[in-house]
Protein backbone atom coordinates (compact mmCIF):
# COMPACT_ATOMS: atom_id res chain seq x y z
CA MET A 1 -33.55 6.69 17.31
CA GLN A 2 -35.99 5.73 14.65
CA SER A 3 -33.64 4.75 11.78
CA LEU A 4 -29.98 4.26 11.15
CA VAL A 5 -28.79 4.56 7.46
CA VAL A 6 -25.41 3.04 7.09
CA PHE A 7 -23.33 3.67 3.81
CA GLY A 8 -20.13 2.12 3.83
CA GLY A 9 -17.29 1.78 1.26
CA SER A 10 -13.72 2.48 0.55
CA PHE A 11 -14.44 6.22 -0.73
CA ASP A 12 -11.24 5.94 -2.49
CA PRO A 13 -12.15 8.75 -3.19
CA VAL A 14 -15.34 10.22 -2.40
CA HIS A 15 -17.12 11.87 -5.53
CA SER A 16 -20.27 13.35 -6.73
CA GLY A 17 -21.92 9.94 -7.12
CA HIS A 18 -21.45 9.15 -3.45
CA LEU A 19 -23.06 12.60 -2.44
CA ALA A 20 -25.90 11.96 -4.73
CA VAL A 21 -26.59 8.72 -2.98
CA ILE A 22 -26.38 10.35 0.28
CA GLU A 23 -28.75 13.26 -0.76
CA SER A 24 -31.06 10.63 -2.19
CA ALA A 25 -31.34 8.54 1.23
CA MET A 26 -31.79 11.75 3.43
CA LYS A 27 -34.58 12.91 1.03
CA ARG A 28 -36.29 9.43 1.41
CA ASP A 29 -36.34 9.54 5.27
CA PRO A 30 -35.41 13.12 6.49
CA SER A 31 -35.52 12.07 10.18
CA ALA A 32 -32.97 9.17 9.87
CA LYS A 33 -29.60 9.23 10.95
CA VAL A 34 -26.94 8.63 8.15
CA VAL A 35 -23.60 7.10 9.07
CA LEU A 36 -20.78 7.14 6.63
CA MET A 37 -18.46 4.15 7.22
CA PRO A 38 -15.21 4.47 5.36
CA THR A 39 -13.62 1.05 5.43
CA GLY A 40 -9.88 0.56 6.56
CA GLN A 41 -9.42 -2.87 4.58
CA SER A 42 -11.98 -4.34 2.26
CA PRO A 43 -12.10 -8.07 1.91
CA LEU A 44 -12.76 -7.51 -1.77
CA LYS A 45 -10.34 -4.77 -2.63
CA ASN A 46 -6.54 -5.39 -2.10
CA THR A 47 -5.13 -1.84 -2.21
CA MET A 48 -6.17 1.74 -1.91
CA VAL A 49 -4.79 4.69 -3.76
CA PHE A 50 -5.61 7.24 -1.05
CA SER A 51 -4.52 6.81 2.35
CA ARG A 52 -6.93 6.45 5.36
CA ALA A 53 -6.26 9.98 6.52
CA GLN A 54 -6.79 11.27 2.98
CA ARG A 55 -10.05 9.51 2.35
CA LEU A 56 -11.30 10.49 5.84
CA ILE A 57 -10.45 14.03 5.09
CA ALA A 58 -11.88 14.08 1.80
CA LEU A 59 -15.14 12.82 3.12
CA ILE A 60 -15.24 15.47 5.97
CA ARG A 61 -14.83 18.25 3.32
CA ALA A 62 -17.21 16.75 0.83
CA THR A 63 -20.22 16.31 3.18
CA HIS A 64 -19.60 19.44 5.50
CA GLY A 65 -22.68 21.08 6.32
CA LEU A 66 -25.05 18.26 5.55
CA LYS A 67 -27.43 17.85 8.59
CA GLY A 68 -28.20 14.52 10.11
CA LEU A 69 -25.06 12.94 8.85
CA THR A 70 -21.99 11.56 11.02
CA ILE A 71 -18.84 9.93 9.75
CA SER A 72 -17.69 6.92 11.74
CA ASP A 73 -13.74 5.95 11.73
CA TYR A 74 -14.75 2.70 13.38
CA GLU A 75 -13.67 0.48 10.55
CA LEU A 76 -10.57 2.58 9.72
CA LEU A 77 -9.33 1.89 13.35
CA ARG A 78 -9.80 -1.81 12.99
CA SER A 79 -6.96 -4.08 11.93
CA GLY A 80 -7.48 -6.68 9.06
CA PRO A 81 -10.34 -7.04 6.84
CA ASN A 82 -13.68 -5.11 7.70
CA TYR A 83 -16.99 -7.15 7.47
CA THR A 84 -20.41 -5.30 7.21
CA ILE A 85 -22.15 -7.71 9.37
CA ASP A 86 -19.64 -7.13 12.41
CA THR A 87 -20.07 -3.35 11.74
CA PHE A 88 -23.90 -3.55 12.02
CA GLU A 89 -23.71 -5.57 15.18
CA TYR A 90 -21.50 -2.74 16.57
CA LEU A 91 -23.83 0.17 15.38
CA ARG A 92 -26.90 -1.81 16.77
CA ASP A 93 -25.22 -1.91 20.15
CA ARG A 94 -24.19 1.76 20.02
CA TYR A 95 -27.41 3.41 18.70
CA GLN A 96 -29.88 0.89 19.23
CA PRO A 97 -32.28 2.25 16.41
CA ARG A 98 -35.71 1.14 15.72
CA GLN A 99 -34.75 0.14 12.10
CA MET A 100 -31.19 -0.43 10.46
CA ILE A 101 -30.78 0.28 6.62
CA LEU A 102 -27.96 -0.81 4.44
CA LEU A 103 -27.41 1.69 1.71
CA ILE A 104 -25.54 0.10 -1.34
CA GLY A 105 -25.18 0.59 -5.10
CA THR A 106 -26.15 -1.98 -7.53
CA ASP A 107 -22.70 -3.05 -7.95
CA GLN A 108 -22.28 -4.11 -4.48
CA LEU A 109 -25.67 -5.85 -4.56
CA MET A 110 -24.66 -7.81 -7.74
CA GLN A 111 -21.72 -9.30 -5.74
CA ILE A 112 -23.22 -9.45 -2.24
CA GLU A 113 -23.13 -13.12 -1.87
CA LYS A 114 -19.29 -12.62 -1.34
CA TRP A 115 -19.94 -10.78 1.76
CA LYS A 116 -19.48 -12.79 4.93
CA ASP A 117 -22.85 -13.88 6.44
CA TYR A 118 -24.88 -12.01 3.80
CA THR A 119 -27.88 -13.90 4.28
CA ARG A 120 -28.16 -13.17 8.18
CA LEU A 121 -27.50 -9.51 7.27
CA ILE A 122 -30.19 -8.83 4.67
CA GLU A 123 -32.70 -10.80 6.61
CA ASN A 124 -32.42 -8.40 9.58
CA VAL A 125 -31.93 -5.02 7.84
CA SER A 126 -33.84 -3.06 5.19
CA VAL A 127 -31.60 -2.51 2.01
CA TRP A 128 -31.90 0.65 0.05
CA ILE A 129 -30.25 0.51 -3.38
CA ALA A 130 -28.96 3.19 -5.65
CA PRO A 131 -29.06 2.41 -9.30
CA ARG A 132 -25.73 2.53 -11.11
CA ASN A 133 -24.21 1.27 -14.48
CA GLY A 134 -27.46 1.22 -16.29
CA VAL A 135 -28.98 -1.63 -14.13
CA SER A 136 -32.60 -1.60 -14.67
CA GLU A 137 -35.14 -1.75 -11.77
CA ALA A 138 -36.37 -5.17 -13.20
CA LYS A 139 -32.92 -6.56 -12.81
CA ILE A 140 -32.44 -5.27 -9.50
CA ARG A 141 -35.65 -6.86 -8.19
CA ALA A 142 -34.88 -10.01 -9.99
CA LYS A 143 -31.55 -10.13 -8.09
CA TRP A 144 -33.06 -9.33 -4.80
CA ALA A 145 -35.63 -12.34 -5.44
CA THR A 146 -32.85 -14.77 -5.50
CA LEU A 147 -31.33 -13.35 -2.08
CA SER A 148 -34.46 -13.00 0.04
CA GLN A 149 -38.06 -13.82 -0.05
CA GLN A 150 -38.72 -10.61 1.98
CA GLN A 151 -39.39 -8.36 -0.85
CA GLU A 152 -40.28 -5.65 1.68
CA HIS A 153 -36.79 -5.36 2.78
CA CYS A 154 -35.68 -4.05 -0.79
CA HIS A 155 -36.12 -0.40 -1.61
CA ILE A 156 -34.82 1.38 -4.52
CA LEU A 157 -33.89 4.92 -4.48
CA GLU A 158 -35.20 7.41 -6.82
CA MET A 159 -32.34 9.23 -8.39
CA ASN A 160 -30.57 9.97 -11.58
CA GLU A 161 -27.91 7.57 -12.95
CA ILE A 162 -24.44 7.90 -11.46
CA ASN A 163 -21.84 8.33 -14.04
CA GLU A 164 -18.88 9.25 -11.98
CA SER A 165 -16.87 6.53 -10.23
CA ALA A 166 -13.85 6.44 -8.06
CA THR A 167 -12.16 4.08 -10.39
CA THR A 168 -12.11 6.75 -13.10
CA ILE A 169 -10.56 9.41 -10.50
CA ARG A 170 -7.88 7.01 -9.45
CA GLN A 171 -6.91 6.15 -13.11
CA ASP A 172 -6.70 9.74 -14.15
CA SER A 173 -3.17 10.94 -12.80
CA LYS A 174 -4.08 14.62 -13.10
CA GLN A 175 -7.52 14.25 -11.10
CA ARG A 176 -5.77 12.02 -8.56
CA LYS A 177 -2.64 14.31 -8.06
CA ALA A 178 -5.15 17.42 -7.93
CA LEU A 179 -7.23 15.97 -5.07
CA LYS A 180 -4.24 14.79 -3.20
CA THR A 181 -2.65 18.27 -3.19
CA SER A 182 -6.00 19.91 -2.29
CA LEU A 183 -6.21 17.95 1.19
CA PRO A 184 -4.51 19.33 4.03
CA ARG A 185 -2.25 17.04 6.02
CA VAL A 186 -3.17 16.60 9.54
CA ILE A 187 -0.36 16.09 12.04
CA GLY A 188 -0.97 14.82 15.61
CA ILE A 189 1.22 15.67 18.49
CA THR A 190 0.04 13.72 21.55
CA GLY A 191 1.62 12.60 24.75
CA ARG A 192 1.00 12.81 28.44
CA ALA A 193 0.74 15.91 30.31
CA GLY A 194 4.28 17.60 30.72
CA SER A 195 5.98 15.46 28.18
CA GLY A 196 6.80 18.51 25.75
CA LYS A 197 3.95 18.45 23.49
CA SER A 198 3.56 22.16 23.14
CA THR A 199 7.27 22.55 22.57
CA ALA A 200 7.04 20.17 19.64
CA THR A 201 4.14 21.85 18.42
CA GLU A 202 5.45 25.10 18.26
CA SER A 203 8.61 23.90 16.53
CA LEU A 204 6.46 22.16 13.91
CA LEU A 205 4.31 25.23 13.31
CA GLY A 206 7.53 27.17 12.46
CA LEU A 207 8.90 24.52 10.16
CA LEU A 208 5.65 23.94 8.32
CA ASN A 209 3.92 27.10 8.76
CA ALA A 210 0.69 25.09 9.67
CA GLN A 211 -2.60 25.85 11.13
CA LEU A 212 -2.99 24.80 14.93
CA ILE A 213 -5.93 23.13 16.67
CA ASP A 214 -5.08 23.22 20.29
CA LEU A 215 -7.40 20.59 22.04
CA ASP A 216 -6.76 22.21 25.41
CA LYS A 217 -7.81 25.69 24.07
CA LEU A 218 -10.77 24.11 22.39
CA GLY A 219 -12.11 22.39 25.48
CA HIS A 220 -11.72 25.42 27.72
CA ALA A 221 -13.55 27.66 24.94
CA LEU A 222 -16.42 24.92 25.33
CA LEU A 223 -16.82 25.57 28.96
CA ASP A 224 -18.09 29.18 27.95
CA VAL A 225 -20.87 27.87 25.77
CA GLN A 226 -24.24 28.34 27.45
CA TYR A 227 -25.53 24.65 26.58
CA ILE A 228 -22.29 23.06 28.27
CA LYS A 229 -22.51 25.57 31.31
CA GLN A 230 -26.04 24.45 31.87
CA LYS A 231 -25.44 20.80 31.62
CA ILE A 232 -22.57 21.13 33.98
CA ALA A 233 -24.64 23.12 36.56
CA ASP A 234 -27.39 20.63 36.37
CA HIS A 235 -25.03 17.70 36.85
CA TYR A 236 -22.53 18.88 39.25
CA GLY A 237 -24.38 21.67 41.13
CA ALA A 238 -24.97 25.39 40.32
CA GLU A 239 -22.03 26.40 42.60
CA LEU A 240 -19.64 25.32 39.91
CA ILE A 241 -20.88 28.43 38.05
CA GLN A 242 -18.98 31.42 39.36
CA ASP A 243 -19.45 35.07 37.64
CA GLY A 244 -21.17 33.29 34.66
CA ARG A 245 -18.32 30.93 33.99
CA VAL A 246 -17.35 27.32 34.90
CA ASP A 247 -14.96 27.20 37.78
CA ARG A 248 -12.42 25.11 36.11
CA ARG A 249 -10.22 24.50 39.27
CA ALA A 250 -13.47 23.18 41.06
CA LEU A 251 -14.60 20.99 37.99
CA GLY A 252 -11.01 19.60 37.77
CA ARG A 253 -10.94 18.47 41.45
CA ILE A 254 -14.16 16.54 40.91
CA VAL A 255 -13.15 14.80 37.68
CA PHE A 256 -9.61 14.26 38.88
CA ASN A 257 -10.74 12.14 41.93
CA ASP A 258 -13.60 10.34 40.23
CA SER A 259 -13.39 8.21 37.25
CA ALA A 260 -17.12 7.96 36.75
CA GLN A 261 -17.59 11.85 36.88
CA ARG A 262 -14.56 12.28 34.51
CA GLU A 263 -16.42 9.85 32.07
CA TRP A 264 -19.75 11.86 32.28
CA LEU A 265 -17.82 15.00 31.40
CA ASP A 266 -15.93 13.25 28.51
CA ASN A 267 -19.33 12.08 27.22
CA LEU A 268 -20.55 15.47 27.04
CA MET A 269 -17.48 17.26 25.60
CA HIS A 270 -15.62 14.91 23.33
CA PRO A 271 -18.37 14.53 20.58
CA ILE A 272 -18.65 18.32 20.26
CA MET A 273 -14.84 18.52 20.27
CA LYS A 274 -14.54 16.31 17.55
CA GLN A 275 -17.12 17.91 15.38
CA ASP A 276 -15.29 21.22 15.91
CA VAL A 277 -12.15 19.80 14.90
CA TYR A 278 -13.86 18.22 11.76
CA ASP A 279 -15.54 21.48 10.84
CA SER A 280 -11.99 23.22 11.08
CA VAL A 281 -10.48 20.47 8.89
CA ALA A 282 -13.31 21.01 6.46
CA THR A 283 -13.08 24.72 6.03
CA SER A 284 -9.12 25.07 6.16
CA THR A 285 -6.87 26.59 3.46
CA ALA A 286 -3.85 25.52 5.02
CA THR A 287 -1.50 22.92 3.63
CA TYR A 288 -0.72 21.54 6.94
CA ILE A 289 -2.79 21.13 10.16
CA VAL A 290 -1.25 20.26 13.56
CA ILE A 291 -3.40 18.94 16.19
CA ASP A 292 -1.96 19.17 19.72
CA GLY A 293 -3.35 17.09 22.65
CA ALA A 294 -3.19 14.39 24.89
CA LEU A 295 -6.66 13.44 23.97
CA ILE A 296 -6.34 12.93 20.16
CA ARG A 297 -7.15 9.05 20.64
CA LYS A 298 -9.76 9.43 23.21
CA ILE A 299 -11.70 12.12 21.35
CA GLY A 300 -11.64 10.12 18.23
CA LEU A 301 -9.19 11.87 16.07
CA ARG A 302 -6.65 9.23 15.53
CA SER A 303 -7.62 8.40 11.90
CA LEU A 304 -7.20 12.09 10.81
CA CYS A 305 -3.59 12.23 11.77
CA ASP A 306 -0.96 11.12 9.31
CA PRO A 307 1.47 10.81 11.20
CA LEU A 308 0.68 10.78 14.94
CA ILE A 309 3.65 11.82 16.76
CA CYS A 310 4.15 10.71 20.38
CA ILE A 311 6.47 12.74 22.65
CA ASP A 312 7.42 10.41 25.31
CA ALA A 313 8.76 11.37 28.64
CA THR A 314 9.40 9.36 31.76
CA ASP A 315 7.94 10.45 34.97
CA GLU A 316 11.29 11.63 36.30
CA ALA A 317 11.49 13.98 33.24
CA ILE A 318 8.09 15.29 33.56
CA LEU A 319 8.70 15.90 37.45
CA GLU A 320 11.72 17.80 36.60
CA HIS A 321 10.57 20.09 33.80
CA ALA A 322 7.09 20.47 34.37
CA GLY A 323 6.41 19.78 38.17
CA GLU A 324 4.18 17.69 40.48
CA GLU A 325 0.84 19.11 39.16
CA LYS A 326 1.75 17.98 35.58
CA LEU A 327 2.99 14.50 36.75
CA ALA A 328 -0.37 14.13 38.84
CA ILE A 329 -2.59 14.73 35.53
CA ALA A 330 -0.17 12.33 33.68
CA ASN A 331 -0.76 9.64 35.95
CA VAL A 332 -4.74 9.56 35.55
CA GLN A 333 -4.18 9.77 31.65
CA ALA A 334 -3.70 6.82 29.62
CA PRO A 335 -0.86 4.58 30.46
CA ARG A 336 2.42 5.91 28.97
CA SER A 337 2.72 2.49 26.92
CA GLU A 338 -0.57 3.19 25.27
CA PHE A 339 0.34 6.61 23.95
CA ALA A 340 3.68 5.06 22.56
CA GLN A 341 1.96 1.81 20.96
CA ASP A 342 -0.67 3.70 18.99
CA SER A 343 1.61 6.44 17.62
CA ASP A 344 3.33 6.28 14.02
CA ILE A 345 6.56 8.16 15.39
CA LEU A 346 7.87 7.99 19.01
CA ILE A 347 10.26 10.72 20.01
CA PRO A 348 11.68 10.47 23.58
CA ASN A 349 12.04 13.71 25.16
CA SER A 350 14.43 14.26 28.10
CA GLY A 351 13.84 17.99 28.36
CA ASN A 352 16.33 19.28 26.13
CA GLN A 353 14.54 21.60 23.70
CA SER A 354 17.48 21.96 21.23
CA ASP A 355 17.60 18.00 20.88
CA LEU A 356 13.77 17.96 20.20
CA ASN A 357 13.98 20.65 17.59
CA VAL A 358 16.75 18.93 15.86
CA ILE A 359 14.78 15.61 15.65
CA LEU A 360 11.64 17.35 14.34
CA GLU A 361 13.80 19.16 11.76
CA ASN A 362 15.35 16.06 10.58
CA LEU A 363 11.82 14.35 10.33
CA VAL A 364 10.63 17.15 7.94
CA LYS A 365 13.89 16.88 5.94
CA LYS A 366 13.49 13.22 5.54
CA ASP A 367 9.96 13.59 4.24
CA MET A 368 8.55 11.80 7.46
CA VAL A 369 6.14 14.72 7.97
CA TYR A 370 5.52 16.09 4.54
C-alpha cells in the first residue's frame, strides 16, 4: 500500500464539514486509502451526545458510495481513552503502508500539544490540515514551526472554509432529535450454534417489524459469487466446485477439522460480509434492523449493535433440542463464556420457546430494545 490517510474524531455527529475534508483528502491523493476512525472515548472530551452505534451508523450512511474509504471500529471497541499514537502503531502493523498521513482540522492542530507523545507522532507521519474557523495559512504554518522543524511534513488542504460544526448540531435540539430518529437501530442476536438464535430473531422480527440481516444466509450467498468460487477452487482444489457451485459439505469438512484452513476462509469471506452489512445499513429505510449470527463479533459488527443480545444455552440443551451436529459446530466456535461476556443482554435458553418469547416481549416493553 502506498499511503494511508487516517481521519479520526468523535464524529458526534458526522456532518458536511467532515465530508468536505474527506473529499479534499481523496482529491489530493486519489490512490491513498482513507481510514475513518471514530473514537470510543476521547481523552479531551468527557461525554458524547450520540451513542457509539449511532455515530458509526451515521458515518456509514454519510459516506456510503465513496470508493477507497474504510471505516474502522478499532477505537470504538477499546476500553478507556483512545490515543492517536497507539492507533497509528496498530494501523502501521496492519496495513504496512509506505506513508502514513494524519488528517486533522486546525482546531486539533492548535491543541496537539495535549496529545500523548505528539512529538513522536508528527515526526513519523505527514500531517494534512483542513482549514477551519478562519485560521489563515500563515497562522497554521507558524503553529507548525513551533512543533516541528520538518516543514515538509505539513500540508494544508485546498478547500473552502468549513462552517458547519458538530457542536452546533448537538446544541440544536431539533437537529439532534431529527438525526437520532433518522438512524435505524441495529439489534444483534448472537450465541453458539443450536442456542436458539433463530427462534429469538423470529420473535423480535414480529415484535419490532424489523429488517433481517441473516449472516448465515449472507455467507451462503457469497459462495455463489464467481470471485469467491475461483478463490476457493484455487486454494482448496477444483473438486470443491460441483455443477458450478461450491460443495458446502466438502468445504465444511475441511475447515471444521483444520483451524488454519478455517482462518483462510474467514479472511476471504468476513471483510466482504462486513461490507455487505454496512451497505445494507446505509440504504435501509427500516426503523429496526436485526442481525442474526454467531459471527457478529468475529466479522467485526459488534459496534453496530445496540444492544447485542446473547442467547445462551448449555451443551446439554443444545444436544437435546438441536442435535449432535449443532453441538459439534458449537464446540469449534468461540467459548460460551466469550459470547456471554461481550453481550449487553444475556438470555439463558433451556429450549422452552414460550419462555424465550416472554423474555423478549418484556425487554421490548421495558425499553431495553427500543
